[in-house]
């Protein structure tokens, strides 16, 4: 079995690390300090990847200048999401030091056209498409715009376009510690594209379930920030092919 990646989340709003309930700007559940310090701490604990979310960028559509540089200074590969709504913004994020760029709204706008294939061809394995799901439908623009697109449809369009990785988030469960949405993830995995899971992860058993379901990895936020388990414990799940 391939290694299962456990990726700590660093969500940044107004220059500070936060955790939001259901991605809502008015529901800050955890305030975690400076993103540079958080990145250094996770790096020291053995992180192989960091998941950086520019919440200001996600809500405004404009990436926050200098944010990527702060986090990549920790020396760990970073995947960045938030405000990357055109090819120029994606390229700028990669040029700033991000290893992967995560797009959501851009992919939705392209779902019935050819531009998703063009993005896939240009950025290849460095591009991740976010499948953010609320009540059975994909949402965009910082999770505030509802669409009629099903996660299955978006996943299949991504597979057809050559997208190499999806980040699937149950927005109702994000920050809730209520457990991952295994049904949603199974539905998306059917498209055949590697999946990183996010939303609701609360226990090491949740990570085992995601690993055994066939996910490539998991982005973990509130469970780490609130001390439900340590990063080293989570990474042990990822490296253990026999279970915990």
C-alpha atoms as a PDB file:
ATOM      1  CA  UNK A   1       0.000   0.000   0.000  1.00  0.00           C
ATOM      2  CA  UNK A   2       1.301   3.451  -0.846  1.00  0.00           C
ATOM      3  CA  UNK A   3       2.045   5.907   1.924  1.00  0.00           C
ATOM      4  CA  UNK A   4      -0.980   7.885   3.121  1.00  0.00           C
ATOM      5  CA  UNK A   5      -0.137  11.590   3.445  1.00  0.00           C
ATOM      6  CA  UNK A   6      -1.249  13.473   6.555  1.00  0.00           C
ATOM      7  CA  UNK A   7      -1.034  17.194   5.886  1.00  0.00           C
ATOM      8  CA  UNK A   8      -1.413  19.842   8.620  1.00  0.00           C
ATOM      9  CA  UNK A   9      -3.647  22.783   7.717  1.00  0.00           C
ATOM     10  CA  UNK A  10      -2.624  26.397   8.207  1.00  0.00           C
ATOM     11  CA  UNK A  11      -5.604  28.653   7.505  1.00  0.00           C
ATOM     12  CA  UNK A  12      -4.772  32.349   7.574  1.00  0.00           C
ATOM     13  CA  UNK A  13      -7.189  35.247   8.050  1.00  0.00           C
ATOM     14  CA  UNK A  14      -6.022  38.819   8.642  1.00  0.00           C
ATOM     15  CA  UNK A  15      -2.470  37.569   9.018  1.00  0.00           C
ATOM     16  CA  UNK A  16      -3.237  35.084  11.808  1.00  0.00           C
ATOM     17  CA  UNK A  17      -3.823  31.333  11.889  1.00  0.00           C
ATOM     18  CA  UNK A  18      -7.460  30.463  12.512  1.00  0.00           C
ATOM     19  CA  UNK A  19      -9.919  27.621  12.323  1.00  0.00           C
ATOM     20  CA  UNK A  20     -13.399  28.390  11.049  1.00  0.00           C
ATOM     21  CA  UNK A  21     -16.591  26.410  11.523  1.00  0.00           C
ATOM     22  CA  UNK A  22     -18.002  25.420   8.112  1.00  0.00           C
ATOM     23  CA  UNK A  23     -15.614  27.902   6.522  1.00  0.00           C
ATOM     24  CA  UNK A  24     -17.640  30.863   7.782  1.00  0.00           C
ATOM     25  CA  UNK A  25     -15.711  34.037   8.405  1.00  0.00           C
ATOM     26  CA  UNK A  26     -17.931  34.906  11.381  1.00  0.00           C
ATOM     27  CA  UNK A  27     -17.295  31.566  13.113  1.00  0.00           C
ATOM     28  CA  UNK A  28     -13.689  31.576  14.267  1.00  0.00           C
ATOM     29  CA  UNK A  29     -13.213  28.594  16.588  1.00  0.00           C
ATOM     30  CA  UNK A  30      -9.433  28.651  17.092  1.00  0.00           C
ATOM     31  CA  UNK A  31      -6.889  31.458  16.898  1.00  0.00           C
ATOM     32  CA  UNK A  32      -3.432  30.021  16.421  1.00  0.00           C
ATOM     33  CA  UNK A  33      -0.947  32.844  16.046  1.00  0.00           C
ATOM     34  CA  UNK A  34       1.571  33.598  13.339  1.00  0.00           C
ATOM     35  CA  UNK A  35       1.607  31.396  10.192  1.00  0.00           C
ATOM     36  CA  UNK A  36       5.402  31.438  10.014  1.00  0.00           C
ATOM     37  CA  UNK A  37       5.613  30.061  13.569  1.00  0.00           C
ATOM     38  CA  UNK A  38       2.974  27.420  12.820  1.00  0.00           C
ATOM     39  CA  UNK A  39       4.838  26.277   9.722  1.00  0.00           C
ATOM     40  CA  UNK A  40       8.094  26.006  11.662  1.00  0.00           C
ATOM     41  CA  UNK A  41       6.391  24.013  14.413  1.00  0.00           C
ATOM     42  CA  UNK A  42       4.831  21.524  12.020  1.00  0.00           C
ATOM     43  CA  UNK A  43       8.135  21.224  10.165  1.00  0.00           C
ATOM     44  CA  UNK A  44       9.908  20.399  13.422  1.00  0.00           C
ATOM     45  CA  UNK A  45       7.274  17.737  14.135  1.00  0.00           C
ATOM     46  CA  UNK A  46       8.055  15.975  10.858  1.00  0.00           C
ATOM     47  CA  UNK A  47       5.484  17.298   8.390  1.00  0.00           C
ATOM     48  CA  UNK A  48       6.095  16.205   4.801  1.00  0.00           C
ATOM     49  CA  UNK A  49       3.601  18.761   3.440  1.00  0.00           C
ATOM     50  CA  UNK A  50       1.785  21.860   4.643  1.00  0.00           C
ATOM     51  CA  UNK A  51      -1.679  22.887   3.515  1.00  0.00           C
ATOM     52  CA  UNK A  52      -1.893  26.683   3.419  1.00  0.00           C
ATOM     53  CA  UNK A  53      -5.248  28.375   2.925  1.00  0.00           C
ATOM     54  CA  UNK A  54      -5.322  32.093   2.200  1.00  0.00           C
ATOM     55  CA  UNK A  55      -8.789  32.823   3.585  1.00  0.00           C
ATOM     56  CA  UNK A  56      -8.562  36.508   2.747  1.00  0.00           C
ATOM     57  CA  UNK A  57      -7.793  35.505  -0.822  1.00  0.00           C
ATOM     58  CA  UNK A  58     -10.620  32.990  -0.870  1.00  0.00           C
ATOM     59  CA  UNK A  59     -13.172  35.595   0.209  1.00  0.00           C
ATOM     60  CA  UNK A  60     -11.843  38.475  -1.918  1.00  0.00           C
ATOM     61  CA  UNK A  61     -10.548  36.582  -4.950  1.00  0.00           C
ATOM     62  CA  UNK A  62      -7.155  38.282  -4.604  1.00  0.00           C
ATOM     63  CA  UNK A  63      -4.195  36.324  -3.135  1.00  0.00           C
ATOM     64  CA  UNK A  64      -2.488  37.872  -0.109  1.00  0.00           C
ATOM     65  CA  UNK A  65       0.979  39.183  -1.049  1.00  0.00           C
ATOM     66  CA  UNK A  66       3.890  37.607   0.800  1.00  0.00           C
ATOM     67  CA  UNK A  67       1.897  34.885   2.555  1.00  0.00           C
ATOM     68  CA  UNK A  68       3.393  31.956   0.650  1.00  0.00           C
ATOM     69  CA  UNK A  69       6.936  33.145   1.285  1.00  0.00           C
ATOM     70  CA  UNK A  70       6.315  33.195   5.045  1.00  0.00           C
ATOM     71  CA  UNK A  71       5.253  29.575   5.141  1.00  0.00           C
ATOM     72  CA  UNK A  72       7.659  28.030   2.624  1.00  0.00           C
ATOM     73  CA  UNK A  73      10.498  29.473   4.716  1.00  0.00           C
ATOM     74  CA  UNK A  74       9.959  26.486   7.050  1.00  0.00           C
ATOM     75  CA  UNK A  75      11.451  24.265   4.358  1.00  0.00           C
ATOM     76  CA  UNK A  76       8.434  21.976   3.853  1.00  0.00           C
ATOM     77  CA  UNK A  77       6.557  21.667   0.534  1.00  0.00           C
ATOM     78  CA  UNK A  78       3.376  23.747   0.559  1.00  0.00           C
ATOM     79  CA  UNK A  79       0.097  23.345  -1.253  1.00  0.00           C
ATOM     80  CA  UNK A  80      -1.735  26.668  -1.446  1.00  0.00           C
ATOM     81  CA  UNK A  81      -5.412  27.425  -1.860  1.00  0.00           C
ATOM     82  CA  UNK A  82      -7.459  30.609  -1.728  1.00  0.00           C
ATOM     83  CA  UNK A  83      -7.951  33.270  -4.369  1.00  0.00           C
ATOM     84  CA  UNK A  84      -6.254  31.417  -7.235  1.00  0.00           C
ATOM     85  CA  UNK A  85      -8.870  32.110  -9.895  1.00  0.00           C
ATOM     86  CA  UNK A  86      -6.845  32.356 -13.083  1.00  0.00           C
ATOM     87  CA  UNK A  87      -3.695  30.923 -14.615  1.00  0.00           C
ATOM     88  CA  UNK A  88      -1.639  34.004 -13.770  1.00  0.00           C
ATOM     89  CA  UNK A  89      -2.517  33.707 -10.068  1.00  0.00           C
ATOM     90  CA  UNK A  90      -1.646  30.011 -10.105  1.00  0.00           C
ATOM     91  CA  UNK A  91       1.689  30.717 -11.741  1.00  0.00           C
ATOM     92  CA  UNK A  92       2.432  33.513  -9.271  1.00  0.00           C
ATOM     93  CA  UNK A  93       1.771  31.166  -6.349  1.00  0.00           C
ATOM     94  CA  UNK A  94       4.131  28.569  -7.773  1.00  0.00           C
ATOM     95  CA  UNK A  95       6.745  31.199  -8.510  1.00  0.00           C
ATOM     96  CA  UNK A  96       6.467  32.371  -4.883  1.00  0.00           C
ATOM     97  CA  UNK A  97       7.455  28.905  -3.710  1.00  0.00           C
ATOM     98  CA  UNK A  98       4.285  26.827  -3.466  1.00  0.00           C
ATOM     99  CA  UNK A  99       4.748  23.282  -4.723  1.00  0.00           C
ATOM    100  CA  UNK A 100       1.062  22.781  -5.520  1.00  0.00           C
ATOM    101  CA  UNK A 101      -1.740  25.230  -6.273  1.00  0.00           C
ATOM    102  CA  UNK A 102      -5.341  24.450  -5.341  1.00  0.00           C
ATOM    103  CA  UNK A 103      -8.172  25.837  -7.452  1.00  0.00           C
ATOM    104  CA  UNK A 104     -11.892  25.623  -6.864  1.00  0.00           C
ATOM    105  CA  UNK A 105     -13.829  28.428  -8.497  1.00  0.00           C
ATOM    106  CA  UNK A 106     -11.578  28.326 -11.550  1.00  0.00           C
ATOM    107  CA  UNK A 107     -12.369  24.670 -12.115  1.00  0.00           C
ATOM    108  CA  UNK A 108     -16.095  25.260 -11.736  1.00  0.00           C
ATOM    109  CA  UNK A 109     -16.043  28.019 -14.308  1.00  0.00           C
ATOM    110  CA  UNK A 110     -14.254  25.660 -16.687  1.00  0.00           C
ATOM    111  CA  UNK A 111     -16.263  22.543 -15.982  1.00  0.00           C
ATOM    112  CA  UNK A 112     -18.182  22.600 -19.258  1.00  0.00           C
ATOM    113  CA  UNK A 113     -15.410  24.089 -21.379  1.00  0.00           C
ATOM    114  CA  UNK A 114     -11.850  23.369 -22.456  1.00  0.00           C
ATOM    115  CA  UNK A 115      -9.936  25.597 -20.048  1.00  0.00           C
ATOM    116  CA  UNK A 116      -9.707  22.909 -17.342  1.00  0.00           C
ATOM    117  CA  UNK A 117      -7.795  20.731 -19.788  1.00  0.00           C
ATOM    118  CA  UNK A 118      -5.534  23.666 -20.600  1.00  0.00           C
ATOM    119  CA  UNK A 119      -4.814  24.257 -16.913  1.00  0.00           C
ATOM    120  CA  UNK A 120      -4.130  20.561 -16.429  1.00  0.00           C
ATOM    121  CA  UNK A 121      -1.721  20.475 -19.364  1.00  0.00           C
ATOM    122  CA  UNK A 122       0.097  23.596 -18.202  1.00  0.00           C
ATOM    123  CA  UNK A 123       0.484  22.794 -14.501  1.00  0.00           C
ATOM    124  CA  UNK A 124       0.234  18.972 -14.494  1.00  0.00           C
ATOM    125  CA  UNK A 125       0.884  17.428 -11.051  1.00  0.00           C
ATOM    126  CA  UNK A 126       1.277  20.853  -9.463  1.00  0.00           C
ATOM    127  CA  UNK A 127      -2.446  21.569  -9.853  1.00  0.00           C
ATOM    128  CA  UNK A 128      -5.062  20.350  -7.358  1.00  0.00           C
ATOM    129  CA  UNK A 129      -8.780  20.852  -7.894  1.00  0.00           C
ATOM    130  CA  UNK A 130     -10.852  21.524  -4.774  1.00  0.00           C
ATOM    131  CA  UNK A 131     -14.199  19.756  -4.642  1.00  0.00           C
ATOM    132  CA  UNK A 132     -15.924  21.686  -1.860  1.00  0.00           C
ATOM    133  CA  UNK A 133     -19.325  20.194  -1.113  1.00  0.00           C
ATOM    134  CA  UNK A 134     -22.311  21.487   0.825  1.00  0.00           C
ATOM    135  CA  UNK A 135     -25.618  19.607   0.932  1.00  0.00           C
ATOM    136  CA  UNK A 136     -24.699  17.469  -2.056  1.00  0.00           C
ATOM    137  CA  UNK A 137     -23.591  20.285  -4.354  1.00  0.00           C
ATOM    138  CA  UNK A 138     -20.261  21.962  -5.028  1.00  0.00           C
ATOM    139  CA  UNK A 139     -19.753  25.477  -3.618  1.00  0.00           C
ATOM    140  CA  UNK A 140     -17.318  28.182  -4.742  1.00  0.00           C
ATOM    141  CA  UNK A 141     -15.932  31.646  -3.952  1.00  0.00           C
ATOM    142  CA  UNK A 142     -14.842  30.835  -0.411  1.00  0.00           C
ATOM    143  CA  UNK A 143     -17.766  28.405  -0.031  1.00  0.00           C
ATOM    144  CA  UNK A 144     -20.336  31.201  -0.236  1.00  0.00           C
ATOM    145  CA  UNK A 145     -21.643  30.584  -3.775  1.00  0.00           C
ATOM    146  CA  UNK A 146     -23.878  27.563  -4.250  1.00  0.00           C
ATOM    147  CA  UNK A 147     -23.883  25.761  -7.594  1.00  0.00           C
ATOM    148  CA  UNK A 148     -25.890  23.009  -9.200  1.00  0.00           C
ATOM    149  CA  UNK A 149     -22.796  20.913  -9.866  1.00  0.00           C
ATOM    150  CA  UNK A 150     -22.582  17.544  -8.129  1.00  0.00           C
ATOM    151  CA  UNK A 151     -19.243  16.370  -6.746  1.00  0.00           C
ATOM    152  CA  UNK A 152     -19.432  13.269  -8.939  1.00  0.00           C
ATOM    153  CA  UNK A 153     -19.810  15.393 -12.049  1.00  0.00           C
ATOM    154  CA  UNK A 154     -16.928  17.696 -11.176  1.00  0.00           C
ATOM    155  CA  UNK A 155     -14.704  14.720 -10.349  1.00  0.00           C
ATOM    156  CA  UNK A 156     -15.488  13.065 -13.669  1.00  0.00           C
ATOM    157  CA  UNK A 157     -14.863  16.293 -15.581  1.00  0.00           C
ATOM    158  CA  UNK A 158     -11.534  16.589 -13.786  1.00  0.00           C
ATOM    159  CA  UNK A 159     -10.631  13.014 -14.678  1.00  0.00           C
ATOM    160  CA  UNK A 160     -11.471  13.653 -18.328  1.00  0.00           C
ATOM    161  CA  UNK A 161      -9.344  16.824 -18.296  1.00  0.00           C
ATOM    162  CA  UNK A 162      -6.322  14.999 -16.918  1.00  0.00           C
ATOM    163  CA  UNK A 163      -6.376  16.511 -13.423  1.00  0.00           C
ATOM    164  CA  UNK A 164      -4.063  14.450 -11.223  1.00  0.00           C
ATOM    165  CA  UNK A 165      -5.318  15.229  -7.725  1.00  0.00           C
ATOM    166  CA  UNK A 166      -8.527  16.351  -5.975  1.00  0.00           C
ATOM    167  CA  UNK A 167      -9.021  17.888  -2.541  1.00  0.00           C
ATOM    168  CA  UNK A 168     -12.493  16.898  -1.337  1.00  0.00           C
ATOM    169  CA  UNK A 169     -14.010  18.822   1.571  1.00  0.00           C
ATOM    170  CA  UNK A 170     -17.351  18.329   3.274  1.00  0.00           C
ATOM    171  CA  UNK A 171     -17.934  21.964   4.201  1.00  0.00           C
ATOM    172  CA  UNK A 172     -20.663  21.149   6.741  1.00  0.00           C
ATOM    173  CA  UNK A 173     -18.124  19.079   8.658  1.00  0.00           C
ATOM    174  CA  UNK A 174     -15.149  21.401   8.310  1.00  0.00           C
ATOM    175  CA  UNK A 175     -14.022  22.434  11.779  1.00  0.00           C
ATOM    176  CA  UNK A 176     -16.742  20.295  13.359  1.00  0.00           C
ATOM    177  CA  UNK A 177     -14.693  17.281  14.527  1.00  0.00           C
ATOM    178  CA  UNK A 178     -17.752  15.228  13.561  1.00  0.00           C
ATOM    179  CA  UNK A 179     -15.917  12.689  11.410  1.00  0.00           C
ATOM    180  CA  UNK A 180     -15.283  12.620   7.659  1.00  0.00           C
ATOM    181  CA  UNK A 181     -18.023  12.111   5.070  1.00  0.00           C
ATOM    182  CA  UNK A 182     -17.040   8.673   3.796  1.00  0.00           C
ATOM    183  CA  UNK A 183     -20.034   8.471   1.454  1.00  0.00           C
ATOM    184  CA  UNK A 184     -19.035  11.669  -0.332  1.00  0.00           C
ATOM    185  CA  UNK A 185     -15.442  10.529  -0.609  1.00  0.00           C
ATOM    186  CA  UNK A 186     -16.428   7.131  -2.001  1.00  0.00           C
ATOM    187  CA  UNK A 187     -18.577   8.846  -4.603  1.00  0.00           C
ATOM    188  CA  UNK A 188     -15.699  11.043  -5.760  1.00  0.00           C
ATOM    189  CA  UNK A 189     -13.110   8.250  -5.651  1.00  0.00           C
ATOM    190  CA  UNK A 190     -15.133   6.426  -8.288  1.00  0.00           C
ATOM    191  CA  UNK A 191     -13.822   8.945 -10.839  1.00  0.00           C
ATOM    192  CA  UNK A 192     -10.366   7.391 -10.502  1.00  0.00           C
ATOM    193  CA  UNK A 193      -8.472  10.557  -9.534  1.00  0.00           C
ATOM    194  CA  UNK A 194      -6.313  10.503  -6.357  1.00  0.00           C
ATOM    195  CA  UNK A 195      -8.145  12.199  -3.477  1.00  0.00           C
ATOM    196  CA  UNK A 196      -7.009  14.170  -0.454  1.00  0.00           C
ATOM    197  CA  UNK A 197      -9.797  14.242   2.139  1.00  0.00           C
ATOM    198  CA  UNK A 198     -10.715  17.154   4.406  1.00  0.00           C
ATOM    199  CA  UNK A 199     -13.476  18.087   6.786  1.00  0.00           C
ATOM    200  CA  UNK A 200     -14.526  16.603  10.132  1.00  0.00           C
ATOM    201  CA  UNK A 201     -11.431  14.537  10.947  1.00  0.00           C
ATOM    202  CA  UNK A 202     -11.313  14.112  14.731  1.00  0.00           C
ATOM    203  CA  UNK A 203      -9.526  10.873  15.606  1.00  0.00           C
ATOM    204  CA  UNK A 204      -6.740   8.598  14.469  1.00  0.00           C
ATOM    205  CA  UNK A 205      -9.430   6.055  13.592  1.00  0.00           C
ATOM    206  CA  UNK A 206     -10.832   8.614  11.126  1.00  0.00           C
ATOM    207  CA  UNK A 207      -7.443   8.691   9.432  1.00  0.00           C
ATOM    208  CA  UNK A 208      -7.348   4.899   9.304  1.00  0.00           C
ATOM    209  CA  UNK A 209     -10.812   4.880   7.714  1.00  0.00           C
ATOM    210  CA  UNK A 210      -9.735   7.379   5.063  1.00  0.00           C
ATOM    211  CA  UNK A 211      -6.559   5.460   4.352  1.00  0.00           C
ATOM    212  CA  UNK A 212      -8.429   2.174   4.033  1.00  0.00           C
ATOM    213  CA  UNK A 213     -11.087   3.781   1.831  1.00  0.00           C
ATOM    214  CA  UNK A 214      -8.378   4.541  -0.726  1.00  0.00           C
ATOM    215  CA  UNK A 215      -7.728   8.234  -0.196  1.00  0.00           C
ATOM    216  CA  UNK A 216      -4.225   9.420  -1.026  1.00  0.00           C
ATOM    217  CA  UNK A 217      -4.094  11.489   2.146  1.00  0.00           C
ATOM    218  CA  UNK A 218      -5.907  13.819   4.493  1.00  0.00           C
ATOM    219  CA  UNK A 219      -5.689  17.480   5.383  1.00  0.00           C
ATOM    220  CA  UNK A 220      -6.054  17.821   9.149  1.00  0.00           C
ATOM    221  CA  UNK A 221      -6.853  21.099  10.868  1.00  0.00           C
ATOM    222  CA  UNK A 222      -8.937  21.355  14.028  1.00  0.00           C
ATOM    223  CA  UNK A 223      -7.931  17.960  15.410  1.00  0.00           C
ATOM    224  CA  UNK A 224      -4.274  18.987  15.414  1.00  0.00           C
ATOM    225  CA  UNK A 225      -4.876  22.545  16.542  1.00  0.00           C
ATOM    226  CA  UNK A 226      -7.088  21.425  19.447  1.00  0.00           C
ATOM    227  CA  UNK A 227      -4.752  18.629  20.539  1.00  0.00           C
ATOM    228  CA  UNK A 228      -6.960  15.627  19.713  1.00  0.00           C
ATOM    229  CA  UNK A 229      -3.784  13.893  18.557  1.00  0.00           C
ATOM    230  CA  UNK A 230      -0.256  14.889  17.643  1.00  0.00           C
ATOM    231  CA  UNK A 231       1.192  15.190  14.178  1.00  0.00           C
ATOM    232  CA  UNK A 232       3.653  12.391  14.933  1.00  0.00           C
ATOM    233  CA  UNK A 233       0.751  10.083  15.852  1.00  0.00           C
ATOM    234  CA  UNK A 234      -1.056  11.022  12.650  1.00  0.00           C
ATOM    235  CA  UNK A 235       2.038  10.477  10.526  1.00  0.00           C
ATOM    236  CA  UNK A 236       2.390   7.017  12.049  1.00  0.00           C
ATOM    237  CA  UNK A 237      -1.049   6.148  10.641  1.00  0.00           C
ATOM    238  CA  UNK A 238       0.127   7.293   7.234  1.00  0.00           C
ATOM    239  CA  UNK A 239       3.220   5.126   7.288  1.00  0.00           C
ATOM    240  CA  UNK A 240       1.559   2.036   8.787  1.00  0.00           C
ATOM    241  CA  UNK A 241       0.194  -0.264   6.092  1.00  0.00           C
ATOM    242  CA  UNK A 242      -1.034  -2.806   8.654  1.00  0.00           C
ATOM    243  CA  UNK A 243      -3.323  -0.460  10.610  1.00  0.00           C
ATOM    244  CA  UNK A 244      -3.035   0.941  14.119  1.00  0.00           C
END
